[in-house]
N, C-alpha and C. Protein backbone atom coordinates (compact mmCIF):
# COMPACT_ATOMS: atom_id res chain seq x y z
N MET A 1 9.57 9.17 2.09
CA MET A 1 8.91 9.45 3.56
C MET A 1 9.60 9.08 4.76
N ARG A 2 9.41 9.73 5.81
CA ARG A 2 10.24 9.57 6.89
C ARG A 2 9.42 8.99 8.20
N PRO A 3 8.57 8.08 8.11
CA PRO A 3 7.79 7.70 9.43
C PRO A 3 8.97 6.91 10.31
N ASP A 4 8.07 6.65 11.38
CA ASP A 4 8.84 5.87 12.27
C ASP A 4 9.55 4.47 11.80
N ARG A 5 10.78 4.24 11.78
CA ARG A 5 11.31 3.49 11.12
C ARG A 5 10.79 1.74 11.61
N PRO A 6 11.11 0.60 10.83
CA PRO A 6 10.35 -0.20 10.34
C PRO A 6 9.21 -0.54 11.38
N GLY A 7 8.01 -0.11 10.91
CA GLY A 7 6.57 -0.47 11.77
C GLY A 7 6.67 0.08 13.04
N GLU A 8 6.17 1.25 12.99
CA GLU A 8 5.92 2.02 14.44
C GLU A 8 4.99 0.98 15.56
N GLY A 9 5.75 0.72 16.30
CA GLY A 9 5.22 -0.13 17.38
C GLY A 9 5.28 -1.44 17.04
N ALA A 10 6.35 -1.91 16.05
CA ALA A 10 6.37 -3.28 15.61
C ALA A 10 7.54 -3.90 16.46
N ARG A 11 7.10 -5.29 16.79
CA ARG A 11 7.92 -6.12 17.48
C ARG A 11 8.05 -7.44 16.70
N VAL A 12 8.87 -7.27 15.65
CA VAL A 12 8.90 -8.57 14.70
C VAL A 12 10.24 -8.87 14.66
N ALA A 13 10.46 -10.33 15.06
CA ALA A 13 12.01 -10.66 14.76
C ALA A 13 12.39 -10.68 13.39
N GLU A 14 13.55 -10.62 12.82
CA GLU A 14 14.09 -10.47 11.55
C GLU A 14 13.45 -11.73 10.83
N PRO A 15 12.59 -11.35 10.08
CA PRO A 15 12.05 -12.68 9.15
C PRO A 15 12.54 -13.09 7.92
N ARG A 16 13.69 -12.23 7.32
CA ARG A 16 14.03 -12.08 5.89
C ARG A 16 14.19 -13.36 5.33
N GLY A 17 14.61 -14.67 6.13
CA GLY A 17 14.80 -15.93 5.42
C GLY A 17 13.72 -16.38 5.45
N ARG A 18 12.66 -16.20 6.34
CA ARG A 18 11.42 -17.09 6.27
C ARG A 18 10.27 -16.43 5.32
N LEU A 19 10.71 -15.27 4.82
CA LEU A 19 9.79 -14.73 3.90
C LEU A 19 10.26 -14.88 2.27
N ARG A 20 11.23 -15.62 2.01
CA ARG A 20 11.81 -15.63 0.74
C ARG A 20 10.68 -15.94 -0.34
N HIS A 21 9.86 -16.61 0.12
CA HIS A 21 8.73 -17.30 -0.82
C HIS A 21 7.77 -15.98 -1.01
N VAL A 22 7.92 -14.99 -0.56
CA VAL A 22 6.78 -13.74 -0.78
C VAL A 22 7.24 -12.87 -1.59
N TYR A 23 6.33 -12.59 -2.82
CA TYR A 23 6.60 -11.54 -3.68
C TYR A 23 5.60 -10.24 -3.38
N TRP A 24 6.12 -9.13 -3.57
CA TRP A 24 5.72 -7.93 -2.93
C TRP A 24 5.15 -7.09 -4.06
N ILE A 25 3.81 -6.42 -4.03
CA ILE A 25 3.65 -5.39 -4.81
C ILE A 25 2.85 -4.11 -4.29
N GLY A 26 3.80 -3.13 -4.13
CA GLY A 26 3.19 -2.02 -3.53
C GLY A 26 2.95 -0.85 -4.58
N GLY A 27 2.80 0.47 -4.02
CA GLY A 27 2.33 1.39 -4.93
C GLY A 27 1.33 2.37 -4.66
N GLY A 28 1.17 3.23 -5.46
CA GLY A 28 -0.03 4.38 -5.17
C GLY A 28 -1.20 3.67 -5.52
N SER A 29 -2.38 4.35 -4.88
CA SER A 29 -3.76 3.96 -5.30
C SER A 29 -4.25 4.24 -6.92
N GLY A 30 -4.90 3.19 -7.36
CA GLY A 30 -4.96 3.31 -8.88
C GLY A 30 -3.92 2.78 -9.83
N GLY A 31 -2.95 2.26 -9.33
CA GLY A 31 -1.86 1.91 -10.17
C GLY A 31 -2.03 0.41 -10.61
N GLY A 32 -3.15 -0.53 -10.27
CA GLY A 32 -3.12 -1.62 -10.78
C GLY A 32 -2.73 -2.68 -9.83
N LYS A 33 -2.36 -2.68 -8.64
CA LYS A 33 -1.64 -3.32 -7.81
C LYS A 33 -2.56 -4.61 -7.63
N SER A 34 -3.90 -4.39 -7.32
CA SER A 34 -4.88 -5.59 -7.22
C SER A 34 -4.88 -6.45 -8.44
N THR A 35 -5.22 -5.64 -9.51
CA THR A 35 -5.39 -6.43 -10.81
C THR A 35 -4.32 -7.30 -11.22
N VAL A 36 -2.79 -6.60 -11.15
CA VAL A 36 -1.81 -7.64 -11.48
C VAL A 36 -1.55 -8.55 -10.57
N ALA A 37 -1.65 -8.52 -9.08
CA ALA A 37 -1.73 -9.48 -8.22
C ALA A 37 -2.50 -10.85 -8.40
N ARG A 38 -3.70 -10.45 -8.85
CA ARG A 38 -4.73 -11.50 -9.02
C ARG A 38 -4.43 -12.34 -10.27
N ARG A 39 -3.81 -11.53 -11.55
CA ARG A 39 -3.49 -12.11 -12.58
C ARG A 39 -2.17 -13.21 -12.48
N LEU A 40 -1.16 -12.55 -11.75
CA LEU A 40 -0.09 -13.12 -11.24
C LEU A 40 -0.28 -14.67 -10.53
N ALA A 41 -1.24 -14.41 -9.35
CA ALA A 41 -1.74 -15.62 -8.62
C ALA A 41 -2.46 -16.60 -9.54
N ASP A 42 -3.09 -16.12 -10.23
CA ASP A 42 -3.91 -17.18 -11.52
C ASP A 42 -2.72 -17.67 -12.31
N ARG A 43 -2.08 -17.11 -12.71
CA ARG A 43 -1.15 -17.59 -13.94
C ARG A 43 -0.04 -18.67 -13.17
N HIS A 44 0.58 -18.14 -12.04
CA HIS A 44 1.59 -18.94 -11.42
C HIS A 44 1.21 -19.67 -10.16
N GLY A 45 0.06 -19.98 -10.02
CA GLY A 45 -0.47 -20.64 -8.93
C GLY A 45 0.14 -20.32 -7.36
N LEU A 46 0.10 -18.75 -7.32
CA LEU A 46 0.43 -18.19 -6.00
C LEU A 46 -0.61 -17.96 -5.03
N ARG A 47 -0.53 -17.84 -3.84
CA ARG A 47 -1.57 -17.53 -2.97
C ARG A 47 -1.54 -16.11 -2.87
N LEU A 48 -2.58 -15.37 -2.80
CA LEU A 48 -2.76 -14.04 -2.73
C LEU A 48 -3.10 -13.28 -1.34
N TYR A 49 -2.48 -12.45 -1.05
CA TYR A 49 -2.63 -11.80 0.31
C TYR A 49 -2.92 -10.27 -0.12
N ALA A 50 -4.17 -10.00 -0.11
CA ALA A 50 -4.51 -8.29 -0.13
C ALA A 50 -4.62 -7.58 1.19
N THR A 51 -3.66 -6.83 1.40
CA THR A 51 -3.45 -6.10 2.67
C THR A 51 -4.54 -5.26 2.83
N ASP A 52 -5.42 -4.82 1.82
CA ASP A 52 -6.48 -3.89 2.01
C ASP A 52 -7.53 -4.61 2.71
N ASP A 53 -7.68 -5.90 2.44
CA ASP A 53 -8.70 -6.80 3.01
C ASP A 53 -8.64 -6.92 4.30
N VAL A 54 -7.32 -6.97 4.90
CA VAL A 54 -7.23 -7.23 6.45
C VAL A 54 -7.12 -6.08 7.14
N MET A 55 -7.46 -4.76 6.57
CA MET A 55 -7.34 -3.58 7.51
C MET A 55 -8.30 -3.79 8.73
N PRO A 56 -9.56 -3.98 8.60
CA PRO A 56 -10.33 -4.30 9.68
C PRO A 56 -9.79 -5.16 10.49
N ASP A 57 -9.42 -6.05 10.51
CA ASP A 57 -8.77 -7.13 11.29
C ASP A 57 -7.40 -6.54 12.15
N HIS A 58 -6.52 -5.75 11.21
CA HIS A 58 -5.53 -5.47 11.79
C HIS A 58 -5.89 -4.08 12.89
N ALA A 59 -6.85 -3.38 12.66
CA ALA A 59 -7.37 -2.45 13.33
C ALA A 59 -7.98 -2.88 14.60
N ALA A 60 -8.65 -3.88 14.65
CA ALA A 60 -9.21 -4.53 15.93
C ALA A 60 -8.09 -5.14 16.59
N ARG A 61 -6.97 -5.72 16.05
CA ARG A 61 -5.82 -6.54 16.86
C ARG A 61 -4.77 -5.47 17.26
N SER A 62 -4.72 -4.20 16.85
CA SER A 62 -3.94 -3.18 17.13
C SER A 62 -4.40 -2.44 18.91
N THR A 63 -3.64 -1.90 19.36
CA THR A 63 -3.44 -1.11 20.59
C THR A 63 -3.05 0.30 20.47
N PRO A 64 -3.72 1.16 21.20
CA PRO A 64 -3.19 2.54 21.03
C PRO A 64 -1.67 2.89 21.16
N GLY A 65 -1.25 2.09 21.93
CA GLY A 65 0.30 2.37 22.35
C GLY A 65 1.06 1.95 21.11
N GLU A 66 0.50 0.68 20.40
CA GLU A 66 1.18 0.14 19.04
C GLU A 66 0.77 1.31 17.80
N CYS A 67 -0.19 1.58 17.80
CA CYS A 67 -1.00 2.17 16.69
C CYS A 67 -1.47 3.60 16.97
N PRO A 68 -0.62 4.63 17.61
CA PRO A 68 -1.34 5.77 18.13
C PRO A 68 -2.14 6.44 17.01
N HIS A 69 -1.72 6.46 15.75
CA HIS A 69 -2.15 7.33 14.64
C HIS A 69 -3.49 6.69 14.47
N LEU A 70 -3.71 5.57 14.12
CA LEU A 70 -4.69 4.55 14.07
C LEU A 70 -5.77 5.01 14.60
N HIS A 71 -5.54 4.77 16.15
CA HIS A 71 -6.58 5.22 17.13
C HIS A 71 -7.00 6.49 17.27
N ALA A 72 -6.20 7.46 16.86
CA ALA A 72 -6.68 8.86 16.77
C ALA A 72 -7.54 9.12 15.62
N PHE A 73 -7.22 8.28 14.57
CA PHE A 73 -8.13 8.69 13.30
C PHE A 73 -9.31 7.99 13.55
N MET A 74 -9.53 6.83 14.22
CA MET A 74 -10.83 6.39 14.46
C MET A 74 -11.55 7.07 15.62
N ALA A 75 -11.15 7.89 16.14
CA ALA A 75 -11.82 8.76 17.01
C ALA A 75 -12.37 10.06 16.31
N MET A 76 -11.97 10.55 15.26
CA MET A 76 -12.19 11.49 14.43
C MET A 76 -13.75 11.32 13.91
N ASP A 77 -14.38 12.17 13.48
CA ASP A 77 -15.71 12.26 12.75
C ASP A 77 -15.17 12.46 11.32
N MET A 78 -16.14 12.21 10.28
CA MET A 78 -15.61 12.41 8.97
C MET A 78 -15.13 13.81 8.62
N ASP A 79 -15.68 14.62 9.15
CA ASP A 79 -15.09 16.01 8.52
C ASP A 79 -13.74 16.06 9.16
N GLU A 80 -13.50 15.66 10.37
CA GLU A 80 -12.03 16.03 11.00
C GLU A 80 -11.23 15.05 10.14
N ARG A 81 -11.62 14.15 9.66
CA ARG A 81 -10.79 13.17 8.88
C ARG A 81 -10.33 13.75 7.42
N TRP A 82 -11.41 14.35 6.67
CA TRP A 82 -11.25 14.73 5.23
C TRP A 82 -11.42 16.07 4.91
N VAL A 83 -12.10 16.84 5.80
CA VAL A 83 -12.44 18.36 5.48
C VAL A 83 -11.35 19.34 6.19
N ASN A 84 -11.72 19.11 7.49
CA ASN A 84 -10.88 20.48 8.30
C ASN A 84 -9.41 20.38 8.38
N ARG A 85 -8.57 19.43 7.82
CA ARG A 85 -7.27 19.29 7.68
C ARG A 85 -6.48 19.42 6.57
N SER A 86 -5.45 19.82 6.38
CA SER A 86 -4.76 20.13 4.98
C SER A 86 -4.34 18.61 4.44
N PRO A 87 -4.30 18.42 3.12
CA PRO A 87 -3.54 17.18 2.74
C PRO A 87 -2.36 16.86 3.30
N GLU A 88 -1.45 17.79 3.60
CA GLU A 88 -0.17 17.41 4.11
C GLU A 88 -0.10 16.97 5.41
N THR A 89 -1.27 17.63 6.23
CA THR A 89 -1.41 16.72 7.47
C THR A 89 -2.06 15.67 7.61
N MET A 90 -2.97 15.42 6.72
CA MET A 90 -3.68 14.11 6.33
C MET A 90 -2.58 12.97 6.14
N LEU A 91 -1.55 13.38 5.11
CA LEU A 91 -0.66 12.43 4.79
C LEU A 91 0.43 12.14 5.88
N GLU A 92 0.60 13.20 6.74
CA GLU A 92 1.75 13.11 7.84
C GLU A 92 1.15 12.13 8.84
N THR A 93 -0.33 11.98 9.11
CA THR A 93 -0.57 11.46 10.45
C THR A 93 -1.58 10.34 9.88
N PHE A 94 -1.67 10.04 8.68
CA PHE A 94 -2.43 8.80 8.24
C PHE A 94 -1.76 7.40 8.54
N HIS A 95 -2.43 6.63 9.61
CA HIS A 95 -1.69 5.70 10.18
C HIS A 95 -0.98 4.55 9.29
N TRP A 96 -1.70 4.35 8.22
CA TRP A 96 -1.19 3.22 7.29
C TRP A 96 -0.05 3.77 6.55
N PHE A 97 -0.04 5.11 6.16
CA PHE A 97 1.10 5.68 5.53
C PHE A 97 2.46 5.81 6.45
N ARG A 98 2.10 5.66 7.67
CA ARG A 98 3.12 5.96 8.81
C ARG A 98 3.75 4.23 9.10
N GLY A 99 3.06 3.43 8.62
CA GLY A 99 3.82 2.13 8.74
C GLY A 99 3.30 1.30 9.82
N GLU A 100 2.31 1.94 10.52
CA GLU A 100 1.57 1.24 11.77
C GLU A 100 0.78 0.21 11.13
N GLY A 101 0.74 -1.09 12.16
CA GLY A 101 0.23 -2.30 11.54
C GLY A 101 0.97 -3.08 10.78
N PHE A 102 2.13 -2.67 10.30
CA PHE A 102 2.99 -3.39 9.29
C PHE A 102 3.48 -4.81 9.82
N ASN A 103 3.77 -4.66 11.18
CA ASN A 103 3.94 -6.05 11.88
C ASN A 103 2.73 -7.04 11.89
N LEU A 104 1.69 -6.50 11.75
CA LEU A 104 0.76 -7.30 11.77
C LEU A 104 0.64 -8.01 10.12
N ILE A 105 0.91 -7.47 9.22
CA ILE A 105 1.08 -8.12 7.82
C ILE A 105 2.06 -8.90 8.01
N VAL A 106 3.38 -8.84 8.36
CA VAL A 106 4.43 -9.75 8.67
C VAL A 106 3.89 -10.98 9.51
N GLU A 107 3.16 -10.68 10.42
CA GLU A 107 2.94 -11.90 11.13
C GLU A 107 1.86 -12.68 10.45
N ASP A 108 0.94 -12.18 9.76
CA ASP A 108 0.11 -12.80 9.09
C ASP A 108 0.76 -13.86 7.86
N LEU A 109 1.75 -13.12 7.29
CA LEU A 109 2.52 -13.83 6.37
C LEU A 109 3.57 -15.06 6.82
N LEU A 110 4.05 -14.75 8.15
CA LEU A 110 4.95 -15.84 8.78
C LEU A 110 3.80 -16.99 9.03
N ARG A 111 2.54 -16.79 9.24
CA ARG A 111 1.76 -17.86 9.45
C ARG A 111 1.29 -18.86 8.30
N LEU A 112 1.49 -18.28 7.06
CA LEU A 112 1.21 -18.90 5.83
C LEU A 112 2.04 -20.01 5.57
N PRO A 113 1.81 -21.34 5.09
CA PRO A 113 2.99 -21.97 4.71
C PRO A 113 3.78 -21.77 3.71
N ALA A 114 4.83 -22.19 3.44
CA ALA A 114 5.75 -21.65 2.67
C ALA A 114 5.45 -21.84 1.15
N GLU A 115 4.41 -22.95 0.91
CA GLU A 115 3.92 -23.49 -0.51
C GLU A 115 2.52 -23.28 -0.67
N PRO A 116 1.92 -22.66 -1.54
CA PRO A 116 2.60 -22.37 -2.72
C PRO A 116 2.94 -20.75 -2.19
N ALA A 117 3.94 -20.34 -2.99
CA ALA A 117 4.65 -18.87 -2.68
C ALA A 117 3.36 -17.74 -2.90
N VAL A 118 3.57 -16.68 -2.17
CA VAL A 118 2.50 -15.80 -1.83
C VAL A 118 3.16 -14.54 -2.73
N ILE A 119 1.75 -13.70 -3.12
CA ILE A 119 2.12 -12.56 -3.57
C ILE A 119 1.33 -11.57 -2.75
N ALA A 120 1.82 -10.68 -2.07
CA ALA A 120 1.22 -9.72 -1.22
C ALA A 120 1.12 -8.19 -1.76
N GLU A 121 -0.03 -7.63 -1.75
CA GLU A 121 -0.22 -6.44 -2.54
C GLU A 121 -0.95 -5.64 -1.50
N GLY A 122 -0.73 -4.12 -2.07
CA GLY A 122 -1.27 -3.14 -1.17
C GLY A 122 -0.44 -1.96 -0.96
N PHE A 123 -1.28 -0.80 -0.83
CA PHE A 123 -0.61 0.50 -0.70
C PHE A 123 0.23 0.37 0.82
N ARG A 124 -0.13 -0.37 1.67
CA ARG A 124 0.52 -0.24 2.89
C ARG A 124 1.93 -0.89 2.88
N LEU A 125 2.23 -1.49 1.77
CA LEU A 125 3.63 -1.96 1.56
C LEU A 125 4.67 -0.93 1.35
N LEU A 126 5.16 -0.29 2.11
CA LEU A 126 6.12 0.87 2.11
C LEU A 126 7.43 0.29 1.97
N PRO A 127 8.34 1.07 1.02
CA PRO A 127 9.40 0.63 0.44
C PRO A 127 10.54 0.28 1.71
N HIS A 128 10.44 0.91 2.68
CA HIS A 128 11.91 1.05 3.81
C HIS A 128 11.08 0.43 4.71
N LEU A 129 9.95 -0.48 4.62
CA LEU A 129 9.31 -1.72 5.75
C LEU A 129 9.70 -2.86 5.02
N VAL A 130 9.46 -2.77 3.53
CA VAL A 130 9.54 -4.15 2.93
C VAL A 130 10.99 -4.56 2.62
N LYS A 131 11.73 -3.49 2.25
CA LYS A 131 13.30 -3.94 2.01
C LYS A 131 14.04 -4.92 3.15
N PRO A 132 13.71 -4.78 4.44
CA PRO A 132 14.25 -5.60 5.39
C PRO A 132 13.81 -6.87 5.27
N MET A 133 12.47 -7.26 4.37
CA MET A 133 12.08 -8.26 4.67
C MET A 133 12.70 -9.23 3.48
N LEU A 134 13.36 -8.77 2.39
CA LEU A 134 13.57 -9.38 1.23
C LEU A 134 14.91 -10.12 1.37
N ALA A 135 14.72 -11.51 0.96
CA ALA A 135 15.96 -12.10 0.89
C ALA A 135 16.68 -11.97 -0.57
N MET A 136 15.72 -11.56 -1.63
CA MET A 136 16.24 -10.91 -2.87
C MET A 136 15.44 -9.63 -3.14
N ALA A 137 16.32 -8.71 -3.94
CA ALA A 137 15.51 -7.21 -4.22
C ALA A 137 14.52 -7.55 -5.08
N ARG A 138 14.66 -8.28 -6.03
CA ARG A 138 14.06 -8.51 -7.15
C ARG A 138 12.34 -9.10 -6.76
N HIS A 139 12.38 -9.36 -5.66
CA HIS A 139 11.16 -10.03 -5.32
C HIS A 139 10.19 -8.85 -4.77
N ALA A 140 10.39 -7.50 -4.97
CA ALA A 140 9.27 -6.12 -4.74
C ALA A 140 9.48 -5.56 -5.82
N VAL A 141 8.33 -4.67 -6.06
CA VAL A 141 8.09 -4.00 -7.16
C VAL A 141 6.92 -2.79 -6.58
N TRP A 142 7.18 -1.73 -7.03
CA TRP A 142 6.18 -0.36 -6.74
C TRP A 142 5.48 -0.12 -8.11
N LEU A 143 4.23 0.00 -8.16
CA LEU A 143 3.80 0.50 -9.27
C LEU A 143 3.17 1.82 -9.05
N ILE A 144 3.64 2.91 -9.90
CA ILE A 144 3.45 4.35 -9.84
C ILE A 144 2.61 4.83 -10.89
N PRO A 145 1.22 5.23 -10.53
CA PRO A 145 0.39 5.51 -11.65
C PRO A 145 0.63 6.91 -11.95
N ALA A 146 0.72 7.23 -13.36
CA ALA A 146 0.86 8.64 -13.61
C ALA A 146 -0.41 9.56 -13.07
N PRO A 147 -0.23 10.73 -12.93
CA PRO A 147 -1.43 11.50 -12.41
C PRO A 147 -2.60 11.28 -13.35
N GLU A 148 -2.50 11.46 -14.56
CA GLU A 148 -3.93 11.35 -15.27
C GLU A 148 -4.52 9.97 -15.19
N PHE A 149 -3.64 8.90 -15.28
CA PHE A 149 -3.92 7.47 -14.97
C PHE A 149 -4.52 7.08 -13.75
N ARG A 150 -3.89 7.92 -12.72
CA ARG A 150 -4.77 7.83 -11.32
C ARG A 150 -5.85 8.49 -11.11
N GLN A 151 -6.04 9.63 -11.60
CA GLN A 151 -7.39 10.40 -11.52
C GLN A 151 -8.44 9.45 -12.24
N ALA A 152 -8.33 8.89 -13.43
CA ALA A 152 -9.01 8.24 -14.22
C ALA A 152 -9.47 6.88 -13.37
N ALA A 153 -8.68 6.34 -12.89
CA ALA A 153 -8.88 4.96 -11.81
C ALA A 153 -9.95 5.49 -10.84
N PHE A 154 -9.60 6.38 -10.01
CA PHE A 154 -10.36 7.08 -9.20
C PHE A 154 -11.80 7.24 -9.41
N ARG A 155 -11.82 7.91 -10.67
CA ARG A 155 -13.39 8.24 -11.01
C ARG A 155 -13.99 6.88 -11.58
N GLY A 156 -13.31 6.09 -11.98
CA GLY A 156 -14.15 4.80 -12.55
C GLY A 156 -14.28 4.01 -11.45
N ARG A 157 -13.96 3.89 -10.13
CA ARG A 157 -13.82 3.38 -9.15
C ARG A 157 -15.09 3.89 -8.10
N GLY A 158 -14.68 5.23 -8.10
CA GLY A 158 -15.97 6.02 -7.20
C GLY A 158 -15.61 5.87 -5.59
N SER A 159 -14.67 5.32 -4.97
CA SER A 159 -14.41 5.05 -3.83
C SER A 159 -14.20 6.26 -2.95
N LEU A 160 -13.29 7.08 -3.72
CA LEU A 160 -13.06 8.42 -2.86
C LEU A 160 -14.29 9.00 -2.69
N TRP A 161 -15.03 9.24 -3.95
CA TRP A 161 -16.41 9.99 -3.73
C TRP A 161 -17.36 9.50 -2.72
N GLN A 162 -17.56 8.13 -2.55
CA GLN A 162 -18.07 7.71 -1.56
C GLN A 162 -17.63 8.17 0.05
N ILE A 163 -16.50 8.29 0.14
CA ILE A 163 -15.87 8.67 1.35
C ILE A 163 -16.20 10.27 1.47
N ALA A 164 -15.93 11.06 0.61
CA ALA A 164 -16.15 12.36 0.53
C ALA A 164 -17.54 12.80 0.60
N GLY A 165 -18.72 11.88 0.16
CA GLY A 165 -20.03 12.38 0.07
C GLY A 165 -20.35 12.03 1.72
N ARG A 166 -19.48 11.38 2.44
CA ARG A 166 -20.15 11.47 3.92
C ARG A 166 -19.74 12.55 4.64
N THR A 167 -19.12 13.41 4.22
CA THR A 167 -18.75 14.68 4.98
C THR A 167 -19.46 15.77 4.78
N GLY A 168 -19.48 17.10 5.33
CA GLY A 168 -20.25 18.07 5.25
C GLY A 168 -19.71 19.05 4.06
N ASP A 169 -18.67 18.59 3.45
CA ASP A 169 -18.09 19.45 2.11
C ASP A 169 -17.36 18.42 1.30
N PRO A 170 -18.42 17.81 0.46
CA PRO A 170 -17.88 16.65 -0.38
C PRO A 170 -16.72 16.94 -1.42
N GLU A 171 -16.68 18.31 -1.98
CA GLU A 171 -15.95 18.82 -3.06
C GLU A 171 -14.58 18.97 -2.28
N ARG A 172 -14.45 19.60 -1.21
CA ARG A 172 -13.40 19.74 -0.38
C ARG A 172 -12.78 18.70 -0.05
N ALA A 173 -13.52 17.78 0.56
CA ALA A 173 -12.96 16.47 0.92
C ALA A 173 -12.31 15.68 -0.02
N LEU A 174 -13.09 15.59 -1.23
CA LEU A 174 -12.52 14.87 -2.50
C LEU A 174 -11.22 15.36 -3.00
N ARG A 175 -11.12 16.87 -3.26
CA ARG A 175 -9.91 17.30 -3.49
C ARG A 175 -8.62 17.23 -2.33
N ASN A 176 -9.09 17.24 -0.97
CA ASN A 176 -7.92 16.77 -0.09
C ASN A 176 -7.37 15.49 -0.28
N LEU A 177 -8.46 14.53 -0.63
CA LEU A 177 -8.01 13.03 -0.68
C LEU A 177 -7.28 13.06 -1.88
N LEU A 178 -7.66 13.52 -2.78
CA LEU A 178 -6.78 13.34 -4.07
C LEU A 178 -5.53 14.07 -4.06
N GLU A 179 -5.27 15.22 -3.23
CA GLU A 179 -3.97 15.84 -3.30
C GLU A 179 -3.09 14.86 -2.19
N ARG A 180 -3.96 14.49 -1.32
CA ARG A 180 -2.92 13.69 -0.18
C ARG A 180 -2.59 12.23 -0.95
N ASP A 181 -3.21 11.67 -1.73
CA ASP A 181 -2.83 10.58 -2.36
C ASP A 181 -1.88 10.79 -3.61
N ARG A 182 -1.95 12.09 -4.08
CA ARG A 182 -0.90 12.34 -4.85
C ARG A 182 0.55 12.43 -4.38
N LEU A 183 0.52 13.27 -2.99
CA LEU A 183 1.73 13.30 -2.31
C LEU A 183 2.40 11.87 -1.92
N PHE A 184 1.35 11.15 -1.48
CA PHE A 184 1.80 9.68 -1.03
C PHE A 184 2.45 9.14 -1.95
N THR A 185 1.92 9.07 -3.47
CA THR A 185 2.45 8.55 -4.51
C THR A 185 3.80 8.80 -4.81
N GLU A 186 4.02 9.97 -4.77
CA GLU A 186 5.28 10.98 -5.20
C GLU A 186 6.40 10.30 -4.19
N ARG A 187 6.01 10.08 -2.68
CA ARG A 187 6.82 9.66 -1.80
C ARG A 187 7.44 8.48 -1.94
N LEU A 188 6.15 7.57 -2.38
CA LEU A 188 6.69 6.04 -2.71
C LEU A 188 7.69 5.93 -3.71
N ALA A 189 7.34 6.63 -4.85
CA ALA A 189 8.21 6.34 -5.87
C ALA A 189 9.68 6.88 -5.53
N GLY A 190 9.82 8.38 -4.92
CA GLY A 190 11.10 8.60 -4.41
C GLY A 190 11.83 7.69 -3.47
N GLU A 191 10.84 7.16 -2.51
CA GLU A 191 11.70 6.30 -1.45
C GLU A 191 12.26 4.96 -2.01
N ALA A 192 11.30 4.54 -2.89
CA ALA A 192 11.67 3.00 -3.57
C ALA A 192 12.92 3.19 -4.54
N ARG A 193 13.03 4.51 -5.21
CA ARG A 193 14.09 4.72 -6.10
C ARG A 193 15.49 4.83 -5.04
N ARG A 194 15.21 5.59 -4.19
CA ARG A 194 16.48 5.88 -3.21
C ARG A 194 16.83 4.52 -2.57
N LEU A 195 16.13 3.58 -2.37
CA LEU A 195 16.51 2.20 -1.68
C LEU A 195 16.86 1.28 -2.71
N GLY A 196 16.79 1.62 -4.13
CA GLY A 196 17.27 1.02 -5.13
C GLY A 196 16.61 -0.36 -5.53
N LEU A 197 15.04 0.11 -5.07
CA LEU A 197 13.98 -1.08 -5.46
C LEU A 197 13.41 -0.69 -6.75
N ALA A 198 12.90 -1.89 -7.52
CA ALA A 198 11.99 -1.59 -8.61
C ALA A 198 10.76 -0.90 -8.53
N VAL A 199 10.82 -0.14 -9.56
CA VAL A 199 9.61 1.03 -9.86
C VAL A 199 9.18 0.89 -11.44
N ILE A 200 7.93 0.57 -11.44
CA ILE A 200 7.22 0.63 -12.78
C ILE A 200 6.12 1.65 -12.86
N GLU A 201 6.20 2.40 -13.65
CA GLU A 201 5.63 3.68 -14.08
C GLU A 201 4.40 3.13 -14.91
N VAL A 202 3.16 3.49 -14.28
CA VAL A 202 1.95 3.10 -15.03
C VAL A 202 1.24 4.13 -15.92
N ASP A 203 0.93 3.94 -17.16
CA ASP A 203 -0.01 5.08 -17.62
C ASP A 203 -0.93 4.29 -18.53
N GLY A 204 -1.59 5.36 -19.24
CA GLY A 204 -2.76 4.91 -19.92
C GLY A 204 -2.32 4.21 -21.23
N THR A 205 -1.04 4.34 -21.68
CA THR A 205 -0.37 3.35 -22.83
C THR A 205 -0.43 2.00 -22.68
N MET A 206 -0.44 1.73 -21.36
CA MET A 206 -0.21 0.21 -20.95
C MET A 206 -1.32 -0.62 -20.51
N THR A 207 -1.59 -1.66 -21.24
CA THR A 207 -2.81 -2.36 -21.01
C THR A 207 -2.16 -3.26 -19.81
N GLU A 208 -3.39 -4.04 -19.14
CA GLU A 208 -3.27 -4.72 -18.02
C GLU A 208 -2.36 -6.03 -18.23
N ASP A 209 -2.41 -6.40 -19.37
CA ASP A 209 -1.70 -7.62 -19.95
C ASP A 209 -0.02 -6.93 -19.81
N ASP A 210 0.07 -5.96 -20.44
CA ASP A 210 1.37 -5.53 -20.49
C ASP A 210 2.03 -5.20 -18.92
N LEU A 211 1.21 -4.61 -18.30
CA LEU A 211 1.77 -4.37 -16.95
C LEU A 211 1.87 -5.62 -16.17
N ALA A 212 0.93 -6.65 -16.16
CA ALA A 212 1.16 -8.09 -15.79
C ALA A 212 2.49 -8.61 -16.14
N ASP A 213 2.69 -8.74 -17.40
CA ASP A 213 4.07 -9.01 -18.20
C ASP A 213 5.27 -8.21 -17.51
N ARG A 214 5.41 -7.04 -17.26
CA ARG A 214 6.45 -6.47 -16.75
C ARG A 214 6.51 -6.82 -15.32
N VAL A 215 5.64 -7.01 -14.56
CA VAL A 215 5.93 -7.36 -13.32
C VAL A 215 6.42 -8.67 -12.96
N THR A 216 5.75 -9.49 -14.05
CA THR A 216 6.33 -11.15 -13.93
C THR A 216 7.78 -10.95 -14.42
N ALA A 217 8.02 -10.10 -15.25
CA ALA A 217 9.44 -9.94 -15.65
C ALA A 217 10.30 -9.52 -14.50
N ALA A 218 9.85 -8.36 -13.73
CA ALA A 218 10.51 -8.00 -12.59
C ALA A 218 10.98 -8.99 -11.65
N PHE A 219 10.11 -10.03 -11.37
CA PHE A 219 9.95 -10.93 -10.42
C PHE A 219 10.91 -12.25 -10.90
N GLY A 220 11.18 -12.07 -12.13
CA GLY A 220 11.70 -13.36 -12.40
C GLY A 220 10.91 -14.48 -12.30
N LEU A 221 9.61 -14.54 -12.65
CA LEU A 221 8.74 -15.63 -12.67
C LEU A 221 8.61 -16.44 -13.92
């Protein structure tokens, strides 16, 4: 992925040393990030920071100058967002995929106490943005779901259909969303590997316990 480099609009001083207590789980949608993060937080007494949960707050805290794609997206109706544009355009212009608001994630994490350690998770944790934050490379991992596993997770969750169902052409919107997320997942995997960061491929042969164990081992917990 080649969005604007670290955090479009970001104004965050180098926090590498101040975030050495943070463990990062990124990856594609449907890869098990939230489930694994909760399990590791429970097992090891970590504080959980879910980037999905703070998206409304970050949108409210942002300005058009800092997050132009976010504010353009907010001004669109549902068909403009999900029906009338190609998946490629949707990918290239989707604010969180471009790193907008990542500086707000960093600000939130810097405000948390150093103990207990923090596990941050979410698709917004792009490899090229996270890497400069790492005191140790092993403190970050990206979960990449296989296509069949990702689609099964989406079907079970139903969240994409809820979005698509609010458009004038739900079937086309759903196809666009699935293809956009496929492209995003492929880019995440390629970028993480190019940067020498840990990638775990997730498929239907892996149980939730297996995945949690693999992430635990990757982190050295």
